Amino acid sequence: QVQLVESGGGLVQAGGSLRLSCAASGRTFSTNIMGWFRQAPGKEREFVATISRSGSATYYADSVRGRFTISRDNVKNAVYLQMNSLKPADTAVYYCAARTQGAEELSIRGHMYSYWGQGTQVTVSS
């Protein structure tokens, strides 16, 4: 079982930056592929970024590539999302998610992730 707790959301002006953090419980964090997803009001949840178990591989949604960076610290059991050049369209609740221990492939599909945090609100004003 993995428990995830996000933090770092808030209100920021367009063009600004935020860094989201996700703290994970358990001793097997390094065996979990991690991802970030987001859901805006009235819209479906969408993939944002994912990172491999070692952190050597990452993949991003087209809408955030070049602006967002996902990273992880397997000693601190944490995954991060650095968000730069934020736009009003980035406004959403952001969720941290983990795949089952031992899964080897990155995935952009939410149903491939077994564990989810409670979410943190990011609001970007114009």
Foldseek 3Di string as FASTA:
>chain_A
DKAKAKDWADEEAAQAKTKMKIAIDDDQLLQKKKFKWWDDPPGDIFGAKIAFSVRPDMDGDPVQPPFWDWGADSVRRMIMIIGGRDDQVPWTWMKMFIAPGNDGDDDGDPVRTDYIYPTDTHGYHD
